[in-house]
């Protein structure tokens, strides 16, 4: 499945890799823009409004992490980090900034394509499952989860969810009370089976980010609980407090 006319911004200092990706994606029907400069990438991003960003961390003029942080200040557009920095600490830092996926070089072009298709497929599925006229809202005590607007509300505070956080939280709530392994979550939310053990760390980091947004005390979570030796579960003891509204 190819999502024609989707705009992809490639930011990579390695010219051969940048051109390889660009040629491939142009061939299959994407609109592709590329640059080797982090500062120029910000200009491209503002002008072109891409649907997805492929970002290297090692850039000559602006640190890739800083570029990611600046994008996240104003946009929740999907970001895939593609870099030679493969340490777990590098991946965790990227995930904490809100990136959607992380691939290390050398990489498989087919795997990169598969992950991009997975991201775009999730977006299409959201639109199909959530008709514009229906507002899907869950309320748990003073916490309101608005899936259509991708917002978390508590008292007068509103926090926006990234696309991947939205999908992760929705999957957890759809399976409330079920013990879900990290591999199961990764497969259903990110859309692939991990090839490396470190790939599942993206689940842990995004769970941590979600807890920071929805838990009263993230260090002692009561909604998204850890199932030792397995993974995570959205706690079923509060299921009676769910209030689902459908507003037409």
Foldseek 3Di string as FASTA:
>chain_A
DADAAAEEEEAALPVVVQVVLVVVNVVVHYHYHYDPALVVVVVCCVVVVGQEYEFEQDGDPDGRLVSLLVCVVPDLRAYEYEYQPDDLVVVLSNLLSPHDYYHYPPDDSVVVVQLVVLLVVLVVVVCVVAPPQWWWWKDFPQWIQTLVQQWIDGDHDIDHDRSLLSQLVVVQVVQAPDQAALQRSCCRRSNDGDPDPSRSVSVVSSVLVNLVRGAPDSVDRDQWDADPPGGIHGYPVRVVRIDTDIGD
